[in-house]
Amino acid sequence: MLDISQRHEECHMKEQCLRYEICPMVLVQNIVSGKWKILILWYLSYNTLRFRDIKKHLPDITQKMLTQQLRKLEEDKLIYRKVYPVVPPKVEYGLTDIGKRIIPILEMMHGFGTEYLKGVLDKKGI
């Protein structure tokens, strides 16, 4: 998960985090990078969802890509995967306690997006 060579010599906050092998900003970028991870986390922020439900929210994602993104989020401990012992298999995804801690950041991003759109639309006279 972490590229140890990515230190924080260039980080303006390096004095606060030199004890780590990676800059915390690089870490967060690694965790949430990818076209779909932020949206997956966003949809899981209000409900536990099954694979097909996540897929409905993201109709342009391929099944393979969704599987990869879910596995990576699970590996990074942001989501959990619960498999029920039934036929056909039932699998649910939800946020872990660590995953829940990123939701305020996503809410701020949503708020910024809303403000940005309002500003852009107001300037265009829409």
C-alpha atoms as a PDB file:
ATOM      1  CA  MET A   1       0.000   0.000   0.000  1.00  0.00           C
ATOM      2  CA  LEU A   2       2.667   2.529   0.960  1.00  0.00           C
ATOM      3  CA  ASP A   3       5.578   3.514  -1.202  1.00  0.00           C
ATOM      4  CA  ILE A   4       8.258   4.038   1.425  1.00  0.00           C
ATOM      5  CA  SER A   5      10.303   6.110  -1.011  1.00  0.00           C
ATOM      6  CA  GLN A   6       7.593   8.782  -0.923  1.00  0.00           C
ATOM      7  CA  ARG A   7       8.846  10.860   1.940  1.00  0.00           C
ATOM      8  CA  HIS A   8       7.890  14.407   2.710  1.00  0.00           C
ATOM      9  CA  GLU A   9      10.903  16.547   2.034  1.00  0.00           C
ATOM     10  CA  GLU A  10       8.719  18.896  -0.024  1.00  0.00           C
ATOM     11  CA  CYS A  11       5.767  18.990   2.385  1.00  0.00           C
ATOM     12  CA  HIS A  12       5.271  22.318   4.138  1.00  0.00           C
ATOM     13  CA  MET A  13       4.137  20.410   7.252  1.00  0.00           C
ATOM     14  CA  LYS A  14       7.057  17.965   7.321  1.00  0.00           C
ATOM     15  CA  GLU A  15       8.127  18.998  10.822  1.00  0.00           C
ATOM     16  CA  GLN A  16       4.830  17.707  12.196  1.00  0.00           C
ATOM     17  CA  CYS A  17       5.042  14.273  10.601  1.00  0.00           C
ATOM     18  CA  LEU A  18       8.692  13.338  10.139  1.00  0.00           C
ATOM     19  CA  ARG A  19       8.306  10.219  12.266  1.00  0.00           C
ATOM     20  CA  TYR A  20       6.302   8.575   9.481  1.00  0.00           C
ATOM     21  CA  GLU A  21       7.808   6.943   6.431  1.00  0.00           C
ATOM     22  CA  ILE A  22       5.286   8.616   4.130  1.00  0.00           C
ATOM     23  CA  CYS A  23       3.716  12.030   4.011  1.00  0.00           C
ATOM     24  CA  PRO A  24       0.144  11.764   5.348  1.00  0.00           C
ATOM     25  CA  MET A  25      -1.113  13.670   2.288  1.00  0.00           C
ATOM     26  CA  VAL A  26       0.499  11.113  -0.019  1.00  0.00           C
ATOM     27  CA  LEU A  27      -1.063   8.360   2.078  1.00  0.00           C
ATOM     28  CA  VAL A  28      -4.560   9.840   1.774  1.00  0.00           C
ATOM     29  CA  GLN A  29      -4.059  10.375  -1.943  1.00  0.00           C
ATOM     30  CA  ASN A  30      -3.082   6.706  -2.300  1.00  0.00           C
ATOM     31  CA  ILE A  31      -6.084   5.556  -0.276  1.00  0.00           C
ATOM     32  CA  VAL A  32      -8.758   7.544  -2.130  1.00  0.00           C
ATOM     33  CA  SER A  33      -7.181   7.772  -5.570  1.00  0.00           C
ATOM     34  CA  GLY A  34      -9.030   6.109  -8.365  1.00  0.00           C
ATOM     35  CA  LYS A  35     -12.000   7.168 -10.389  1.00  0.00           C
ATOM     36  CA  TRP A  36     -14.586   5.427  -8.230  1.00  0.00           C
ATOM     37  CA  LYS A  37     -13.376   5.132  -4.622  1.00  0.00           C
ATOM     38  CA  ILE A  38     -14.698   8.472  -3.403  1.00  0.00           C
ATOM     39  CA  LEU A  39     -18.119   7.785  -4.896  1.00  0.00           C
ATOM     40  CA  ILE A  40     -18.205   4.265  -3.432  1.00  0.00           C
ATOM     41  CA  LEU A  41     -17.419   5.700  -0.003  1.00  0.00           C
ATOM     42  CA  TRP A  42     -20.038   8.412  -0.528  1.00  0.00           C
ATOM     43  CA  TYR A  43     -22.801   5.918  -1.323  1.00  0.00           C
ATOM     44  CA  LEU A  44     -21.786   3.703   1.572  1.00  0.00           C
ATOM     45  CA  SER A  45     -21.879   6.708   3.897  1.00  0.00           C
ATOM     46  CA  TYR A  46     -25.628   6.511   4.266  1.00  0.00           C
ATOM     47  CA  ASN A  47     -26.282   2.779   3.950  1.00  0.00           C
ATOM     48  CA  THR A  48     -24.799  -0.687   3.843  1.00  0.00           C
ATOM     49  CA  LEU A  49     -25.113  -1.843   0.251  1.00  0.00           C
ATOM     50  CA  ARG A  50     -24.892  -5.007  -1.764  1.00  0.00           C
ATOM     51  CA  PHE A  51     -22.640  -5.206  -4.809  1.00  0.00           C
ATOM     52  CA  ARG A  52     -25.515  -4.793  -7.259  1.00  0.00           C
ATOM     53  CA  ASP A  53     -26.778  -1.719  -5.382  1.00  0.00           C
ATOM     54  CA  ILE A  54     -23.371  -0.058  -5.593  1.00  0.00           C
ATOM     55  CA  LYS A  55     -23.300  -0.943  -9.290  1.00  0.00           C
ATOM     56  CA  LYS A  56     -26.711   0.749  -9.756  1.00  0.00           C
ATOM     57  CA  HIS A  57     -25.287   3.963  -8.297  1.00  0.00           C
ATOM     58  CA  LEU A  58     -22.316   3.725 -10.675  1.00  0.00           C
ATOM     59  CA  PRO A  59     -23.748   2.472 -13.978  1.00  0.00           C
ATOM     60  CA  ASP A  60     -20.587   3.321 -15.960  1.00  0.00           C
ATOM     61  CA  ILE A  61     -18.263   1.188 -13.827  1.00  0.00           C
ATOM     62  CA  THR A  62     -17.415  -2.300 -15.010  1.00  0.00           C
ATOM     63  CA  GLN A  63     -17.956  -5.241 -12.703  1.00  0.00           C
ATOM     64  CA  LYS A  64     -14.216  -5.940 -12.728  1.00  0.00           C
ATOM     65  CA  MET A  65     -13.346  -2.343 -11.794  1.00  0.00           C
ATOM     66  CA  LEU A  66     -15.958  -2.250  -9.022  1.00  0.00           C
ATOM     67  CA  THR A  67     -14.578  -5.493  -7.610  1.00  0.00           C
ATOM     68  CA  GLN A  68     -11.021  -4.097  -7.712  1.00  0.00           C
ATOM     69  CA  GLN A  69     -12.006  -0.814  -6.053  1.00  0.00           C
ATOM     70  CA  LEU A  70     -13.991  -2.592  -3.329  1.00  0.00           C
ATOM     71  CA  ARG A  71     -11.084  -4.941  -2.628  1.00  0.00           C
ATOM     72  CA  LYS A  72      -8.659  -2.036  -2.368  1.00  0.00           C
ATOM     73  CA  LEU A  73     -10.959  -0.111  -0.014  1.00  0.00           C
ATOM     74  CA  GLU A  74     -11.322  -3.253   2.089  1.00  0.00           C
ATOM     75  CA  GLU A  75      -7.543  -3.787   2.085  1.00  0.00           C
ATOM     76  CA  ASP A  76      -7.101  -0.191   3.265  1.00  0.00           C
ATOM     77  CA  LYS A  77      -9.604  -0.861   6.080  1.00  0.00           C
ATOM     78  CA  LEU A  78     -12.124   1.775   4.928  1.00  0.00           C
ATOM     79  CA  ILE A  79     -14.898  -0.704   4.182  1.00  0.00           C
ATOM     80  CA  TYR A  80     -15.851  -4.178   5.327  1.00  0.00           C
ATOM     81  CA  ARG A  81     -17.295  -7.040   3.342  1.00  0.00           C
ATOM     82  CA  LYS A  82     -19.825  -9.304   5.018  1.00  0.00           C
ATOM     83  CA  VAL A  83     -20.658 -12.617   3.347  1.00  0.00           C
ATOM     84  CA  TYR A  84     -23.842 -14.391   4.383  1.00  0.00           C
ATOM     85  CA  PRO A  85     -23.872 -18.206   4.199  1.00  0.00           C
ATOM     86  CA  VAL A  86     -26.837 -18.464   1.843  1.00  0.00           C
ATOM     87  CA  VAL A  87     -27.429 -19.596  -1.726  1.00  0.00           C
ATOM     88  CA  PRO A  88     -27.172 -17.565  -3.845  1.00  0.00           C
ATOM     89  CA  PRO A  89     -24.395 -15.760  -1.986  1.00  0.00           C
ATOM     90  CA  LYS A  90     -25.321 -12.509  -0.292  1.00  0.00           C
ATOM     91  CA  VAL A  91     -22.524  -9.988   0.248  1.00  0.00           C
ATOM     92  CA  GLU A  92     -22.871  -6.572   1.848  1.00  0.00           C
ATOM     93  CA  TYR A  93     -20.415  -3.704   2.036  1.00  0.00           C
ATOM     94  CA  GLY A  94     -20.288  -1.010   4.675  1.00  0.00           C
ATOM     95  CA  LEU A  95     -17.966   1.511   6.222  1.00  0.00           C
ATOM     96  CA  THR A  96     -15.571   0.557   8.988  1.00  0.00           C
ATOM     97  CA  ASP A  97     -14.989   2.937  11.879  1.00  0.00           C
ATOM     98  CA  ILE A  98     -11.941   4.253  10.012  1.00  0.00           C
ATOM     99  CA  GLY A  99     -14.018   4.623   6.840  1.00  0.00           C
ATOM    100  CA  LYS A 100     -16.645   6.622   8.739  1.00  0.00           C
ATOM    101  CA  ARG A 101     -13.962   9.122   9.712  1.00  0.00           C
ATOM    102  CA  ILE A 102     -13.509  10.160   6.074  1.00  0.00           C
ATOM    103  CA  ILE A 103     -17.188  11.067   5.609  1.00  0.00           C
ATOM    104  CA  PRO A 104     -16.857  14.617   7.031  1.00  0.00           C
ATOM    105  CA  ILE A 105     -14.142  15.217   4.434  1.00  0.00           C
ATOM    106  CA  LEU A 106     -16.447  13.937   1.679  1.00  0.00           C
ATOM    107  CA  GLU A 107     -19.248  16.156   3.010  1.00  0.00           C
ATOM    108  CA  MET A 108     -16.889  19.144   2.826  1.00  0.00           C
ATOM    109  CA  MET A 109     -16.000  18.170  -0.743  1.00  0.00           C
ATOM    110  CA  HIS A 110     -19.710  18.014  -1.578  1.00  0.00           C
ATOM    111  CA  GLY A 111     -20.213  21.438  -0.026  1.00  0.00           C
ATOM    112  CA  PHE A 112     -17.298  22.851  -1.987  1.00  0.00           C
ATOM    113  CA  GLY A 113     -18.737  21.351  -5.186  1.00  0.00           C
ATOM    114  CA  THR A 114     -22.107  22.947  -4.463  1.00  0.00           C
ATOM    115  CA  GLU A 115     -20.534  26.352  -3.791  1.00  0.00           C
ATOM    116  CA  TYR A 116     -18.367  26.054  -6.868  1.00  0.00           C
ATOM    117  CA  LEU A 117     -21.349  25.209  -9.069  1.00  0.00           C
ATOM    118  CA  LYS A 118     -23.352  28.099  -7.647  1.00  0.00           C
ATOM    119  CA  GLY A 119     -20.484  30.490  -8.331  1.00  0.00           C
ATOM    120  CA  VAL A 120     -19.913  29.228 -11.850  1.00  0.00           C
ATOM    121  CA  LEU A 121     -23.600  29.164 -12.699  1.00  0.00           C
ATOM    122  CA  ASP A 122     -24.158  32.642 -11.215  1.00  0.00           C
ATOM    123  CA  LYS A 123     -21.300  34.042 -13.295  1.00  0.00           C
ATOM    124  CA  LYS A 124     -22.772  32.477 -16.419  1.00  0.00           C
ATOM    125  CA  GLY A 125     -26.194  33.915 -15.593  1.00  0.00           C
ATOM    126  CA  ILE A 126     -27.878  30.529 -15.324  1.00  0.00           C
END
